[in-house]
Amino acid sequence: MSEKVTFWFDATCPFCWITSRWMKEVEQVRDVQVQWVPMSLGVLNEGRDELPEAYREHIKAAWGPARVATIIALQAPDRLDDYYTAIGTKLHNEGQGGQSGFGAYDEVIATTLDELGLDPSFAQVANTQDVDKQMREFHQQAMDAVGNDVGTPVLKLGDAAFFGPVLTRIPKGEEAGKLFDASVTLGNYPHFFELKRSRTENPRFDA
Protein backbone atom coordinates (compact mmCIF):
# COMPACT_ATOMS: atom_id res chain seq x y z
CA MET A 1 0.00 0.00 0.00
CA SER A 2 1.29 3.46 -0.90
CA GLU A 3 2.52 5.71 1.88
CA LYS A 4 0.48 8.90 1.73
CA VAL A 5 2.29 12.18 2.23
CA THR A 6 0.69 15.62 2.30
CA PHE A 7 3.22 18.34 1.48
CA TRP A 8 2.32 21.99 2.13
CA PHE A 9 4.69 24.33 0.29
CA ASP A 10 5.53 27.93 -0.48
CA ALA A 11 7.43 28.00 -3.75
CA THR A 12 9.72 30.85 -2.70
CA CYS A 13 11.23 29.08 0.34
CA PRO A 14 14.64 27.51 -0.45
CA PHE A 15 14.44 25.02 2.43
CA CYS A 16 11.00 23.93 1.33
CA TRP A 17 12.37 23.49 -2.19
CA ILE A 18 15.13 21.15 -1.04
CA THR A 19 12.70 19.07 1.00
CA SER A 20 10.35 18.84 -1.97
CA ARG A 21 13.14 17.67 -4.28
CA TRP A 22 14.01 15.05 -1.67
CA MET A 23 10.42 13.85 -1.87
CA LYS A 24 10.69 13.68 -5.66
CA GLU A 25 13.70 11.41 -5.14
CA VAL A 26 11.72 9.34 -2.64
CA GLU A 27 9.01 8.82 -5.24
CA GLN A 28 11.58 6.98 -7.36
CA VAL A 29 12.59 4.46 -4.67
CA ARG A 30 9.55 4.09 -2.42
CA ASP A 31 5.85 3.50 -2.97
CA VAL A 32 4.59 6.93 -1.95
CA GLN A 33 1.71 9.14 -3.00
CA VAL A 34 2.37 12.87 -2.48
CA GLN A 35 -0.43 15.40 -2.31
CA TRP A 36 0.90 18.92 -2.92
CA VAL A 37 -0.96 21.72 -1.15
CA PRO A 38 -0.19 25.46 -1.11
CA MET A 39 0.66 27.36 2.03
CA SER A 40 1.83 30.95 2.34
CA LEU A 41 4.82 32.63 3.93
CA GLY A 42 2.83 35.85 3.60
CA VAL A 43 0.06 34.48 5.80
CA LEU A 44 2.54 32.82 8.14
CA ASN A 45 4.34 36.10 8.83
CA GLU A 46 1.40 38.50 8.96
CA GLY A 47 1.67 41.05 11.75
CA ARG A 48 5.27 40.16 12.60
CA ASP A 49 6.60 43.69 12.66
CA GLU A 50 9.70 42.54 14.54
CA LEU A 51 11.06 40.89 11.39
CA PRO A 52 13.90 42.70 9.58
CA GLU A 53 12.69 45.07 6.89
CA ALA A 54 14.60 43.22 4.16
CA TYR A 55 12.90 39.94 5.05
CA ARG A 56 9.47 41.58 5.15
CA GLU A 57 10.10 42.79 1.59
CA HIS A 58 10.94 39.22 0.52
CA ILE A 59 7.69 38.06 2.11
CA LYS A 60 5.74 40.62 0.07
CA ALA A 61 7.12 39.00 -3.08
CA ALA A 62 6.03 35.55 -1.88
CA TRP A 63 2.30 36.37 -2.07
CA GLY A 64 2.17 36.16 -5.87
CA PRO A 65 3.50 32.61 -6.40
CA ALA A 66 1.37 31.31 -3.49
CA ARG A 67 -1.79 32.87 -4.90
CA VAL A 68 -1.13 31.33 -8.30
CA ALA A 69 -0.45 27.96 -6.66
CA THR A 70 -3.84 28.33 -4.99
CA ILE A 71 -5.80 28.93 -8.18
CA ILE A 72 -4.03 25.97 -9.79
CA ALA A 73 -4.91 23.81 -6.78
CA LEU A 74 -8.53 24.87 -7.22
CA GLN A 75 -8.87 24.67 -11.00
CA ALA A 76 -6.13 22.32 -12.23
CA PRO A 77 -4.97 20.35 -9.16
CA ASP A 78 -3.27 17.67 -11.25
CA ARG A 79 -0.85 20.36 -12.52
CA LEU A 80 0.17 21.74 -9.12
CA ASP A 81 3.22 19.48 -8.92
CA ASP A 82 4.27 20.65 -12.39
CA TYR A 83 3.84 24.30 -11.41
CA TYR A 84 5.88 23.94 -8.24
CA THR A 85 8.66 22.10 -10.05
CA ALA A 86 8.80 24.64 -12.87
CA ILE A 87 8.66 27.83 -10.83
CA GLY A 88 10.86 26.38 -8.08
CA THR A 89 13.54 25.51 -10.61
CA LYS A 90 13.52 29.09 -11.85
CA LEU A 91 13.57 30.64 -8.40
CA HIS A 92 16.18 28.40 -6.83
CA ASN A 93 18.27 26.47 -9.34
CA GLU A 94 18.33 29.29 -11.89
CA GLY A 95 18.83 32.08 -9.37
CA GLN A 96 15.66 34.08 -10.03
CA GLY A 97 14.51 33.94 -6.39
CA GLY A 98 15.25 36.25 -3.49
CA GLN A 99 13.27 39.14 -4.96
CA SER A 100 11.58 41.85 -2.92
CA GLY A 101 8.26 43.65 -3.05
CA PHE A 102 4.77 42.91 -4.27
CA GLY A 103 4.70 41.72 -7.88
CA ALA A 104 8.39 40.87 -7.99
CA TYR A 105 7.71 37.45 -9.52
CA ASP A 106 5.08 38.49 -12.07
CA GLU A 107 7.33 37.76 -15.05
CA VAL A 108 8.49 34.43 -13.63
CA ILE A 109 4.89 33.41 -13.02
CA ALA A 110 3.81 34.35 -16.54
CA THR A 111 6.72 32.48 -18.10
CA THR A 112 6.03 29.40 -15.97
CA LEU A 113 2.35 29.28 -16.91
CA ASP A 114 3.23 29.68 -20.59
CA GLU A 115 5.82 26.89 -20.50
CA LEU A 116 3.34 24.53 -18.83
CA GLY A 117 0.45 25.42 -21.14
CA LEU A 118 -1.63 26.56 -18.18
CA ASP A 119 -4.28 29.25 -18.42
CA PRO A 120 -2.40 32.59 -18.58
CA SER A 121 -5.27 34.26 -16.72
CA PHE A 122 -4.10 32.44 -13.59
CA ALA A 123 -1.37 35.07 -13.34
CA GLN A 124 -3.98 37.76 -12.69
CA VAL A 125 -4.61 36.55 -9.13
CA ALA A 126 -0.98 37.16 -8.13
CA ASN A 127 -1.63 40.79 -7.24
CA THR A 128 -5.24 40.53 -6.06
CA GLN A 129 -7.02 39.01 -3.09
CA ASP A 130 -9.34 36.95 -5.30
CA VAL A 131 -8.17 33.58 -3.94
CA ASP A 132 -6.85 34.70 -0.57
CA LYS A 133 -9.74 33.09 1.30
CA GLN A 134 -8.99 29.71 -0.26
CA MET A 135 -5.23 30.19 0.19
CA ARG A 136 -5.74 30.92 3.88
CA GLU A 137 -7.87 27.80 4.18
CA PHE A 138 -5.12 25.66 2.63
CA HIS A 139 -2.59 27.30 4.92
CA GLN A 140 -4.78 26.76 7.97
CA GLN A 141 -5.01 23.06 7.17
CA ALA A 142 -1.24 22.88 7.67
CA MET A 143 -1.39 24.86 10.91
CA ASP A 144 -4.22 22.73 12.24
CA ALA A 145 -2.20 19.61 11.46
CA VAL A 146 1.17 20.71 12.85
CA GLY A 147 0.53 23.47 15.40
CA ASN A 148 2.13 26.89 15.81
CA ASP A 149 5.67 28.33 15.63
CA VAL A 150 6.61 26.50 12.42
CA GLY A 151 7.58 27.41 8.87
CA THR A 152 7.65 25.74 5.48
CA PRO A 153 7.43 22.98 4.53
CA VAL A 154 4.85 21.07 6.53
CA LEU A 155 4.67 17.32 5.87
CA LYS A 156 1.99 14.96 7.04
CA LEU A 157 3.24 11.38 7.31
CA GLY A 158 0.44 9.06 8.27
CA ASP A 159 -1.54 10.63 11.08
CA ALA A 160 1.12 13.10 12.24
CA ALA A 161 2.34 16.34 10.65
CA PHE A 162 5.70 18.03 11.18
CA PHE A 163 7.62 21.11 10.11
CA GLY A 164 10.46 19.92 7.92
CA PRO A 165 12.61 17.97 7.71
CA VAL A 166 14.91 20.94 7.12
CA LEU A 167 17.69 19.87 4.77
CA THR A 168 20.48 21.83 3.13
CA ARG A 169 21.21 19.26 0.42
CA ILE A 170 19.05 16.89 -1.58
CA PRO A 171 19.44 13.20 -0.69
CA LYS A 172 19.46 11.03 -3.79
CA GLY A 173 18.47 7.46 -4.58
CA GLU A 174 18.42 4.96 -1.76
CA GLU A 175 19.79 7.54 0.68
CA ALA A 176 16.61 9.54 0.07
CA GLY A 177 14.57 6.41 0.69
CA LYS A 178 16.32 5.61 3.95
CA LEU A 179 15.79 9.16 5.24
CA PHE A 180 12.12 8.85 4.35
CA ASP A 181 11.86 5.52 6.16
CA ALA A 182 13.37 7.11 9.27
CA SER A 183 10.98 10.06 9.04
CA VAL A 184 7.98 7.74 8.79
CA THR A 185 9.22 5.75 11.79
CA LEU A 186 9.48 8.90 13.90
CA GLY A 187 6.19 10.20 12.57
CA ASN A 188 4.37 7.03 13.51
CA TYR A 189 5.58 7.15 17.11
CA PRO A 190 2.76 9.02 18.91
CA HIS A 191 5.00 10.62 21.52
CA PHE A 192 7.61 12.07 19.14
CA PHE A 193 7.44 15.85 18.69
CA GLU A 194 10.73 17.52 17.84
CA LEU A 195 14.32 16.89 16.75
CA LYS A 196 16.52 19.92 16.06
CA ARG A 197 20.07 21.25 15.91
CA SER A 198 21.73 24.49 14.80
CA ARG A 199 22.20 24.82 11.04
CA THR A 200 25.81 25.30 9.88
CA GLU A 201 25.36 25.75 6.11
CA ASN A 202 23.01 27.33 3.60
CA PRO A 203 20.91 25.37 1.11
CA ARG A 204 22.67 23.91 -1.91
CA PHE A 205 20.55 22.83 -4.85
CA ASP A 206 23.35 21.16 -6.82
CA ALA A 207 24.45 18.64 -4.20
C-alpha atoms as a PDB file:
ATOM      1  CA  MET A   1       0.000   0.000   0.000  1.00  0.00           C
ATOM      2  CA  SER A   2       1.288   3.456  -0.904  1.00  0.00           C
ATOM      3  CA  GLU A   3       2.524   5.708   1.880  1.00  0.00           C
ATOM      4  CA  LYS A   4       0.481   8.900   1.728  1.00  0.00           C
ATOM      5  CA  VAL A   5       2.290  12.182   2.229  1.00  0.00           C
ATOM      6  CA  THR A   6       0.687  15.622   2.302  1.00  0.00           C
ATOM      7  CA  PHE A   7       3.218  18.339   1.479  1.00  0.00           C
ATOM      8  CA  TRP A   8       2.316  21.994   2.128  1.00  0.00           C
ATOM      9  CA  PHE A   9       4.686  24.328   0.286  1.00  0.00           C
ATOM     10  CA  ASP A  10       5.526  27.928  -0.479  1.00  0.00           C
ATOM     11  CA  ALA A  11       7.433  28.002  -3.754  1.00  0.00           C
ATOM     12  CA  THR A  12       9.719  30.854  -2.696  1.00  0.00           C
ATOM     13  CA  CYS A  13      11.229  29.078   0.337  1.00  0.00           C
ATOM     14  CA  PRO A  14      14.639  27.507  -0.449  1.00  0.00           C
ATOM     15  CA  PHE A  15      14.441  25.019   2.430  1.00  0.00           C
ATOM     16  CA  CYS A  16      10.997  23.932   1.330  1.00  0.00           C
ATOM     17  CA  TRP A  17      12.368  23.488  -2.187  1.00  0.00           C
ATOM     18  CA  ILE A  18      15.129  21.152  -1.042  1.00  0.00           C
ATOM     19  CA  THR A  19      12.698  19.068   1.004  1.00  0.00           C
ATOM     20  CA  SER A  20      10.350  18.845  -1.969  1.00  0.00           C
ATOM     21  CA  ARG A  21      13.144  17.671  -4.278  1.00  0.00           C
ATOM     22  CA  TRP A  22      14.010  15.051  -1.667  1.00  0.00           C
ATOM     23  CA  MET A  23      10.417  13.847  -1.869  1.00  0.00           C
ATOM     24  CA  LYS A  24      10.691  13.677  -5.663  1.00  0.00           C
ATOM     25  CA  GLU A  25      13.703  11.406  -5.144  1.00  0.00           C
ATOM     26  CA  VAL A  26      11.724   9.343  -2.639  1.00  0.00           C
ATOM     27  CA  GLU A  27       9.014   8.822  -5.244  1.00  0.00           C
ATOM     28  CA  GLN A  28      11.579   6.979  -7.359  1.00  0.00           C
ATOM     29  CA  VAL A  29      12.590   4.465  -4.667  1.00  0.00           C
ATOM     30  CA  ARG A  30       9.552   4.088  -2.416  1.00  0.00           C
ATOM     31  CA  ASP A  31       5.849   3.500  -2.975  1.00  0.00           C
ATOM     32  CA  VAL A  32       4.591   6.933  -1.953  1.00  0.00           C
ATOM     33  CA  GLN A  33       1.713   9.139  -2.998  1.00  0.00           C
ATOM     34  CA  VAL A  34       2.374  12.865  -2.480  1.00  0.00           C
ATOM     35  CA  GLN A  35      -0.426  15.402  -2.314  1.00  0.00           C
ATOM     36  CA  TRP A  36       0.903  18.916  -2.922  1.00  0.00           C
ATOM     37  CA  VAL A  37      -0.958  21.718  -1.150  1.00  0.00           C
ATOM     38  CA  PRO A  38      -0.186  25.461  -1.113  1.00  0.00           C
ATOM     39  CA  MET A  39       0.658  27.362   2.031  1.00  0.00           C
ATOM     40  CA  SER A  40       1.825  30.951   2.340  1.00  0.00           C
ATOM     41  CA  LEU A  41       4.819  32.625   3.925  1.00  0.00           C
ATOM     42  CA  GLY A  42       2.834  35.848   3.604  1.00  0.00           C
ATOM     43  CA  VAL A  43       0.057  34.480   5.799  1.00  0.00           C
ATOM     44  CA  LEU A  44       2.543  32.820   8.139  1.00  0.00           C
ATOM     45  CA  ASN A  45       4.345  36.102   8.833  1.00  0.00           C
ATOM     46  CA  GLU A  46       1.399  38.501   8.963  1.00  0.00           C
ATOM     47  CA  GLY A  47       1.670  41.052  11.750  1.00  0.00           C
ATOM     48  CA  ARG A  48       5.268  40.157  12.600  1.00  0.00           C
ATOM     49  CA  ASP A  49       6.603  43.694  12.663  1.00  0.00           C
ATOM     50  CA  GLU A  50       9.697  42.536  14.538  1.00  0.00           C
ATOM     51  CA  LEU A  51      11.059  40.889  11.392  1.00  0.00           C
ATOM     52  CA  PRO A  52      13.904  42.701   9.582  1.00  0.00           C
ATOM     53  CA  GLU A  53      12.690  45.072   6.887  1.00  0.00           C
ATOM     54  CA  ALA A  54      14.599  43.220   4.156  1.00  0.00           C
ATOM     55  CA  TYR A  55      12.900  39.935   5.052  1.00  0.00           C
ATOM     56  CA  ARG A  56       9.472  41.579   5.152  1.00  0.00           C
ATOM     57  CA  GLU A  57      10.098  42.786   1.594  1.00  0.00           C
ATOM     58  CA  HIS A  58      10.943  39.224   0.525  1.00  0.00           C
ATOM     59  CA  ILE A  59       7.695  38.059   2.111  1.00  0.00           C
ATOM     60  CA  LYS A  60       5.742  40.624   0.070  1.00  0.00           C
ATOM     61  CA  ALA A  61       7.116  39.002  -3.081  1.00  0.00           C
ATOM     62  CA  ALA A  62       6.027  35.552  -1.884  1.00  0.00           C
ATOM     63  CA  TRP A  63       2.302  36.375  -2.074  1.00  0.00           C
ATOM     64  CA  GLY A  64       2.173  36.158  -5.873  1.00  0.00           C
ATOM     65  CA  PRO A  65       3.497  32.609  -6.395  1.00  0.00           C
ATOM     66  CA  ALA A  66       1.373  31.310  -3.488  1.00  0.00           C
ATOM     67  CA  ARG A  67      -1.788  32.869  -4.898  1.00  0.00           C
ATOM     68  CA  VAL A  68      -1.131  31.332  -8.302  1.00  0.00           C
ATOM     69  CA  ALA A  69      -0.450  27.962  -6.657  1.00  0.00           C
ATOM     70  CA  THR A  70      -3.836  28.335  -4.990  1.00  0.00           C
ATOM     71  CA  ILE A  71      -5.799  28.925  -8.179  1.00  0.00           C
ATOM     72  CA  ILE A  72      -4.032  25.968  -9.792  1.00  0.00           C
ATOM     73  CA  ALA A  73      -4.907  23.814  -6.776  1.00  0.00           C
ATOM     74  CA  LEU A  74      -8.527  24.873  -7.224  1.00  0.00           C
ATOM     75  CA  GLN A  75      -8.872  24.673 -10.998  1.00  0.00           C
ATOM     76  CA  ALA A  76      -6.129  22.324 -12.227  1.00  0.00           C
ATOM     77  CA  PRO A  77      -4.969  20.353  -9.165  1.00  0.00           C
ATOM     78  CA  ASP A  78      -3.269  17.674 -11.251  1.00  0.00           C
ATOM     79  CA  ARG A  79      -0.848  20.359 -12.516  1.00  0.00           C
ATOM     80  CA  LEU A  80       0.169  21.744  -9.117  1.00  0.00           C
ATOM     81  CA  ASP A  81       3.216  19.477  -8.922  1.00  0.00           C
ATOM     82  CA  ASP A  82       4.266  20.654 -12.395  1.00  0.00           C
ATOM     83  CA  TYR A  83       3.840  24.303 -11.408  1.00  0.00           C
ATOM     84  CA  TYR A  84       5.883  23.939  -8.240  1.00  0.00           C
ATOM     85  CA  THR A  85       8.664  22.100 -10.046  1.00  0.00           C
ATOM     86  CA  ALA A  86       8.803  24.636 -12.866  1.00  0.00           C
ATOM     87  CA  ILE A  87       8.665  27.833 -10.826  1.00  0.00           C
ATOM     88  CA  GLY A  88      10.855  26.379  -8.084  1.00  0.00           C
ATOM     89  CA  THR A  89      13.543  25.508 -10.612  1.00  0.00           C
ATOM     90  CA  LYS A  90      13.525  29.094 -11.850  1.00  0.00           C
ATOM     91  CA  LEU A  91      13.573  30.645  -8.401  1.00  0.00           C
ATOM     92  CA  HIS A  92      16.182  28.401  -6.827  1.00  0.00           C
ATOM     93  CA  ASN A  93      18.274  26.470  -9.339  1.00  0.00           C
ATOM     94  CA  GLU A  94      18.329  29.289 -11.894  1.00  0.00           C
ATOM     95  CA  GLY A  95      18.826  32.083  -9.370  1.00  0.00           C
ATOM     96  CA  GLN A  96      15.657  34.079 -10.025  1.00  0.00           C
ATOM     97  CA  GLY A  97      14.512  33.941  -6.393  1.00  0.00           C
ATOM     98  CA  GLY A  98      15.255  36.252  -3.489  1.00  0.00           C
ATOM     99  CA  GLN A  99      13.273  39.141  -4.964  1.00  0.00           C
ATOM    100  CA  SER A 100      11.581  41.846  -2.925  1.00  0.00           C
ATOM    101  CA  GLY A 101       8.260  43.651  -3.052  1.00  0.00           C
ATOM    102  CA  PHE A 102       4.769  42.914  -4.274  1.00  0.00           C
ATOM    103  CA  GLY A 103       4.696  41.719  -7.879  1.00  0.00           C
ATOM    104  CA  ALA A 104       8.387  40.868  -7.988  1.00  0.00           C
ATOM    105  CA  TYR A 105       7.705  37.448  -9.516  1.00  0.00           C
ATOM    106  CA  ASP A 106       5.081  38.489 -12.069  1.00  0.00           C
ATOM    107  CA  GLU A 107       7.335  37.763 -15.048  1.00  0.00           C
ATOM    108  CA  VAL A 108       8.486  34.426 -13.629  1.00  0.00           C
ATOM    109  CA  ILE A 109       4.887  33.409 -13.017  1.00  0.00           C
ATOM    110  CA  ALA A 110       3.806  34.346 -16.538  1.00  0.00           C
ATOM    111  CA  THR A 111       6.719  32.483 -18.097  1.00  0.00           C
ATOM    112  CA  THR A 112       6.031  29.404 -15.965  1.00  0.00           C
ATOM    113  CA  LEU A 113       2.354  29.279 -16.912  1.00  0.00           C
ATOM    114  CA  ASP A 114       3.229  29.678 -20.585  1.00  0.00           C
ATOM    115  CA  GLU A 115       5.820  26.894 -20.501  1.00  0.00           C
ATOM    116  CA  LEU A 116       3.341  24.534 -18.831  1.00  0.00           C
ATOM    117  CA  GLY A 117       0.454  25.423 -21.143  1.00  0.00           C
ATOM    118  CA  LEU A 118      -1.633  26.563 -18.176  1.00  0.00           C
ATOM    119  CA  ASP A 119      -4.276  29.253 -18.418  1.00  0.00           C
ATOM    120  CA  PRO A 120      -2.396  32.588 -18.581  1.00  0.00           C
ATOM    121  CA  SER A 121      -5.273  34.262 -16.717  1.00  0.00           C
ATOM    122  CA  PHE A 122      -4.102  32.438 -13.593  1.00  0.00           C
ATOM    123  CA  ALA A 123      -1.366  35.073 -13.338  1.00  0.00           C
ATOM    124  CA  GLN A 124      -3.977  37.756 -12.691  1.00  0.00           C
ATOM    125  CA  VAL A 125      -4.606  36.548  -9.131  1.00  0.00           C
ATOM    126  CA  ALA A 126      -0.979  37.158  -8.126  1.00  0.00           C
ATOM    127  CA  ASN A 127      -1.630  40.794  -7.235  1.00  0.00           C
ATOM    128  CA  THR A 128      -5.244  40.531  -6.063  1.00  0.00           C
ATOM    129  CA  GLN A 129      -7.020  39.012  -3.087  1.00  0.00           C
ATOM    130  CA  ASP A 130      -9.336  36.947  -5.297  1.00  0.00           C
ATOM    131  CA  VAL A 131      -8.171  33.579  -3.941  1.00  0.00           C
ATOM    132  CA  ASP A 132      -6.854  34.701  -0.568  1.00  0.00           C
ATOM    133  CA  LYS A 133      -9.743  33.089   1.297  1.00  0.00           C
ATOM    134  CA  GLN A 134      -8.985  29.709  -0.257  1.00  0.00           C
ATOM    135  CA  MET A 135      -5.227  30.186   0.188  1.00  0.00           C
ATOM    136  CA  ARG A 136      -5.739  30.917   3.880  1.00  0.00           C
ATOM    137  CA  GLU A 137      -7.865  27.801   4.178  1.00  0.00           C
ATOM    138  CA  PHE A 138      -5.123  25.660   2.629  1.00  0.00           C
ATOM    139  CA  HIS A 139      -2.592  27.297   4.923  1.00  0.00           C
ATOM    140  CA  GLN A 140      -4.778  26.760   7.972  1.00  0.00           C
ATOM    141  CA  GLN A 141      -5.012  23.056   7.166  1.00  0.00           C
ATOM    142  CA  ALA A 142      -1.242  22.881   7.668  1.00  0.00           C
ATOM    143  CA  MET A 143      -1.385  24.862  10.905  1.00  0.00           C
ATOM    144  CA  ASP A 144      -4.220  22.726  12.235  1.00  0.00           C
ATOM    145  CA  ALA A 145      -2.200  19.614  11.459  1.00  0.00           C
ATOM    146  CA  VAL A 146       1.169  20.710  12.846  1.00  0.00           C
ATOM    147  CA  GLY A 147       0.531  23.470  15.403  1.00  0.00           C
ATOM    148  CA  ASN A 148       2.128  26.895  15.809  1.00  0.00           C
ATOM    149  CA  ASP A 149       5.666  28.329  15.629  1.00  0.00           C
ATOM    150  CA  VAL A 150       6.613  26.502  12.418  1.00  0.00           C
ATOM    151  CA  GLY A 151       7.580  27.411   8.874  1.00  0.00           C
ATOM    152  CA  THR A 152       7.652  25.737   5.479  1.00  0.00           C
ATOM    153  CA  PRO A 153       7.426  22.983   4.528  1.00  0.00           C
ATOM    154  CA  VAL A 154       4.846  21.070   6.530  1.00  0.00           C
ATOM    155  CA  LEU A 155       4.666  17.320   5.872  1.00  0.00           C
ATOM    156  CA  LYS A 156       1.992  14.956   7.042  1.00  0.00           C
ATOM    157  CA  LEU A 157       3.244  11.384   7.313  1.00  0.00           C
ATOM    158  CA  GLY A 158       0.439   9.058   8.267  1.00  0.00           C
ATOM    159  CA  ASP A 159      -1.539  10.627  11.082  1.00  0.00           C
ATOM    160  CA  ALA A 160       1.116  13.100  12.236  1.00  0.00           C
ATOM    161  CA  ALA A 161       2.335  16.336  10.654  1.00  0.00           C
ATOM    162  CA  PHE A 162       5.703  18.029  11.178  1.00  0.00           C
ATOM    163  CA  PHE A 163       7.618  21.106  10.111  1.00  0.00           C
ATOM    164  CA  GLY A 164      10.462  19.920   7.919  1.00  0.00           C
ATOM    165  CA  PRO A 165      12.610  17.971   7.713  1.00  0.00           C
ATOM    166  CA  VAL A 166      14.910  20.937   7.119  1.00  0.00           C
ATOM    167  CA  LEU A 167      17.689  19.867   4.766  1.00  0.00           C
ATOM    168  CA  THR A 168      20.482  21.826   3.132  1.00  0.00           C
ATOM    169  CA  ARG A 169      21.213  19.257   0.415  1.00  0.00           C
ATOM    170  CA  ILE A 170      19.052  16.887  -1.579  1.00  0.00           C
ATOM    171  CA  PRO A 171      19.439  13.202  -0.686  1.00  0.00           C
ATOM    172  CA  LYS A 172      19.463  11.027  -3.792  1.00  0.00           C
ATOM    173  CA  GLY A 173      18.472   7.464  -4.585  1.00  0.00           C
ATOM    174  CA  GLU A 174      18.415   4.959  -1.756  1.00  0.00           C
ATOM    175  CA  GLU A 175      19.794   7.544   0.681  1.00  0.00           C
ATOM    176  CA  ALA A 176      16.609   9.540   0.065  1.00  0.00           C
ATOM    177  CA  GLY A 177      14.567   6.414   0.694  1.00  0.00           C
ATOM    178  CA  LYS A 178      16.317   5.613   3.955  1.00  0.00           C
ATOM    179  CA  LEU A 179      15.789   9.156   5.243  1.00  0.00           C
ATOM    180  CA  PHE A 180      12.120   8.849   4.353  1.00  0.00           C
ATOM    181  CA  ASP A 181      11.865   5.517   6.165  1.00  0.00           C
ATOM    182  CA  ALA A 182      13.367   7.109   9.268  1.00  0.00           C
ATOM    183  CA  SER A 183      10.980  10.056   9.039  1.00  0.00           C
ATOM    184  CA  VAL A 184       7.975   7.740   8.786  1.00  0.00           C
ATOM    185  CA  THR A 185       9.217   5.747  11.786  1.00  0.00           C
ATOM    186  CA  LEU A 186       9.483   8.900  13.898  1.00  0.00           C
ATOM    187  CA  GLY A 187       6.187  10.205  12.571  1.00  0.00           C
ATOM    188  CA  ASN A 188       4.367   7.028  13.505  1.00  0.00           C
ATOM    189  CA  TYR A 189       5.576   7.151  17.113  1.00  0.00           C
ATOM    190  CA  PRO A 190       2.757   9.019  18.909  1.00  0.00           C
ATOM    191  CA  HIS A 191       4.998  10.620  21.518  1.00  0.00           C
ATOM    192  CA  PHE A 192       7.613  12.075  19.139  1.00  0.00           C
ATOM    193  CA  PHE A 193       7.439  15.848  18.693  1.00  0.00           C
ATOM    194  CA  GLU A 194      10.735  17.521  17.839  1.00  0.00           C
ATOM    195  CA  LEU A 195      14.323  16.893  16.751  1.00  0.00           C
ATOM    196  CA  LYS A 196      16.515  19.919  16.060  1.00  0.00           C
ATOM    197  CA  ARG A 197      20.070  21.255  15.913  1.00  0.00           C
ATOM    198  CA  SER A 198      21.731  24.493  14.797  1.00  0.00           C
ATOM    199  CA  ARG A 199      22.198  24.817  11.044  1.00  0.00           C
ATOM    200  CA  THR A 200      25.813  25.297   9.881  1.00  0.00           C
ATOM    201  CA  GLU A 201      25.363  25.748   6.109  1.00  0.00           C
ATOM    202  CA  ASN A 202      23.012  27.334   3.602  1.00  0.00           C
ATOM    203  CA  PRO A 203      20.908  25.365   1.110  1.00  0.00           C
ATOM    204  CA  ARG A 204      22.668  23.912  -1.909  1.00  0.00           C
ATOM    205  CA  PHE A 205      20.555  22.834  -4.854  1.00  0.00           C
ATOM    206  CA  ASP A 206      23.348  21.159  -6.815  1.00  0.00           C
ATOM    207  CA  ALA A 207      24.452  18.636  -4.201  1.00  0.00           C
END
